[in-house]
Protein backbone atom coordinates (compact mmCIF):
# COMPACT_ATOMS: atom_id res chain seq x y z
CA MET A 1 53.85 -15.28 6.58
CA ALA A 2 52.52 -13.09 4.28
CA ASP A 3 51.41 -15.63 2.15
CA ALA A 4 49.68 -17.74 4.99
CA ARG A 5 47.24 -14.51 5.39
CA SER A 6 46.43 -14.06 2.00
CA GLU A 7 45.19 -17.93 1.80
CA THR A 8 43.12 -17.67 4.84
CA PRO A 9 41.03 -14.59 4.97
CA GLY A 10 40.70 -12.93 8.45
CA PHE A 11 37.51 -11.36 10.14
CA LEU A 12 37.61 -8.19 8.16
CA GLY A 13 38.01 -10.18 5.01
CA HIS A 14 34.91 -12.21 6.22
CA VAL A 15 32.80 -9.14 6.85
CA LEU A 16 33.78 -7.33 3.55
CA ARG A 17 33.06 -10.43 1.70
CA GLY A 18 29.43 -10.93 3.35
CA LEU A 19 29.20 -7.12 2.58
CA ARG A 20 29.86 -7.17 -1.02
CA GLY A 21 27.25 -10.18 -1.33
CA ALA A 22 24.71 -7.87 0.13
CA VAL A 23 25.22 -4.90 -1.80
CA THR A 24 24.91 -6.96 -4.73
CA LEU A 25 21.58 -8.45 -3.88
CA ARG A 26 20.44 -5.15 -2.99
CA LEU A 27 21.52 -3.79 -6.53
CA ARG A 28 19.60 -6.18 -8.68
CA PRO A 29 15.91 -5.50 -9.89
CA ARG A 30 13.03 -6.66 -8.12
CA GLN A 31 10.93 -8.57 -9.88
CA ARG A 32 7.24 -7.70 -8.69
CA PRO A 33 4.53 -10.16 -9.22
CA ALA A 34 2.18 -8.88 -11.74
CA PRO A 35 -0.94 -7.20 -10.17
CA PRO A 36 -4.34 -9.65 -9.32
CA LYS A 37 -6.82 -9.40 -11.94
CA ALA A 38 -9.90 -7.26 -9.95
CA ALA A 39 -12.96 -9.81 -9.86
CA PRO A 40 -15.83 -8.80 -11.38
CA GLY A 41 -17.94 -6.84 -9.08
CA PRO A 42 -21.02 -5.21 -8.43
CA SER A 43 -21.04 -2.04 -10.77
CA PRO A 44 -21.13 1.32 -9.06
CA THR A 45 -24.37 2.43 -10.46
CA ASP A 46 -26.15 -1.27 -8.60
CA GLY A 47 -28.58 0.08 -6.17
CA LEU A 48 -28.96 3.59 -6.62
CA ASP A 49 -31.78 5.14 -5.08
CA ALA A 50 -34.46 7.63 -6.67
CA ALA A 51 -32.76 10.73 -5.14
CA GLU A 52 -29.22 9.90 -6.47
CA GLN A 53 -30.53 8.92 -9.79
CA ALA A 54 -32.36 12.55 -10.01
CA ALA A 55 -29.14 14.15 -8.88
CA LEU A 56 -27.28 12.30 -11.63
CA GLU A 57 -29.85 13.44 -13.97
CA GLN A 58 -29.97 17.06 -12.99
CA LEU A 59 -26.51 17.30 -13.55
CA GLY A 60 -26.20 15.53 -16.66
CA ALA A 61 -28.65 18.19 -17.78
CA ALA A 62 -26.33 21.09 -16.79
CA ASP A 63 -23.28 19.38 -19.21
CA GLY A 64 -21.71 17.48 -16.54
CA TYR A 65 -20.75 20.58 -14.52
CA ALA A 66 -22.19 22.77 -12.11
CA THR A 67 -21.21 25.56 -9.68
CA ARG A 68 -24.24 24.87 -7.51
CA TRP A 69 -26.13 21.42 -6.86
CA PRO A 70 -28.99 21.36 -4.75
CA VAL A 71 -28.93 18.19 -3.97
CA ARG A 72 -28.66 16.51 0.07
CA ARG A 73 -25.44 15.80 1.58
CA GLU A 74 -25.85 12.13 1.72
CA VAL A 75 -26.33 12.09 -1.60
CA ALA A 76 -23.42 13.66 -3.10
CA ARG A 77 -21.64 11.88 -0.58
CA SER A 78 -22.71 8.66 -1.85
CA LEU A 79 -22.23 9.52 -5.61
CA ALA A 80 -18.85 10.74 -4.79
CA SER A 81 -17.73 7.56 -2.93
CA ARG A 82 -19.01 5.63 -5.90
CA GLN A 83 -17.19 7.58 -8.14
CA LEU A 84 -19.86 9.01 -10.51
CA VAL A 85 -19.19 12.58 -9.17
CA VAL A 86 -16.27 14.78 -8.17
CA VAL A 87 -17.21 17.16 -5.89
CA ALA A 88 -14.73 19.80 -5.15
CA SER A 89 -15.67 23.02 -2.95
CA ASP A 90 -16.55 25.71 -5.97
CA TYR A 91 -17.90 22.73 -8.51
CA VAL A 92 -19.24 19.56 -8.79
CA LEU A 93 -17.89 17.67 -12.11
CA LEU A 94 -20.14 14.53 -13.84
CA THR A 95 -17.24 11.67 -14.23
CA GLU A 96 -16.77 8.99 -17.12
CA ALA A 97 -18.89 6.12 -15.15
CA GLY A 98 -21.24 8.83 -13.93
CA ARG A 99 -22.22 9.47 -17.61
CA ARG A 100 -22.26 5.83 -18.37
CA ALA A 101 -24.69 5.31 -15.64
CA LEU A 102 -26.98 7.59 -17.07
CA THR A 103 -26.91 6.05 -20.45
CA GLY A 104 -26.68 2.74 -19.38
CA ARG A 105 -23.86 1.69 -21.39
CA PRO A 106 -21.85 -0.95 -19.90
CA ARG A 107 -18.15 -0.04 -18.73
CA ARG A 108 -15.15 -0.41 -21.63
CA ASP A 109 -11.86 -2.25 -20.35
């Protein structure tokens, strides 16, 4: 009788065999696909209006750092959304992209 039971697993044997396979599948590392290449889109400096350009030049003249930056809120938000400046509660910082926008140099990859 004991031999017959070992050859044909019962319900618990099927469950354990299924769990063992599930655990094995989870332990295998996932192969993630490579991230897609970014499509060349418009530069963040495209379409700067006169006020935005003047604000960048003003910050560039201050060596890219200022504790006071008298520009309109819309101008500051626009430049920050394009990642040309970083606006903190007590300072404003010109980013590398902002410096490139001032000098007109192309982006490095």
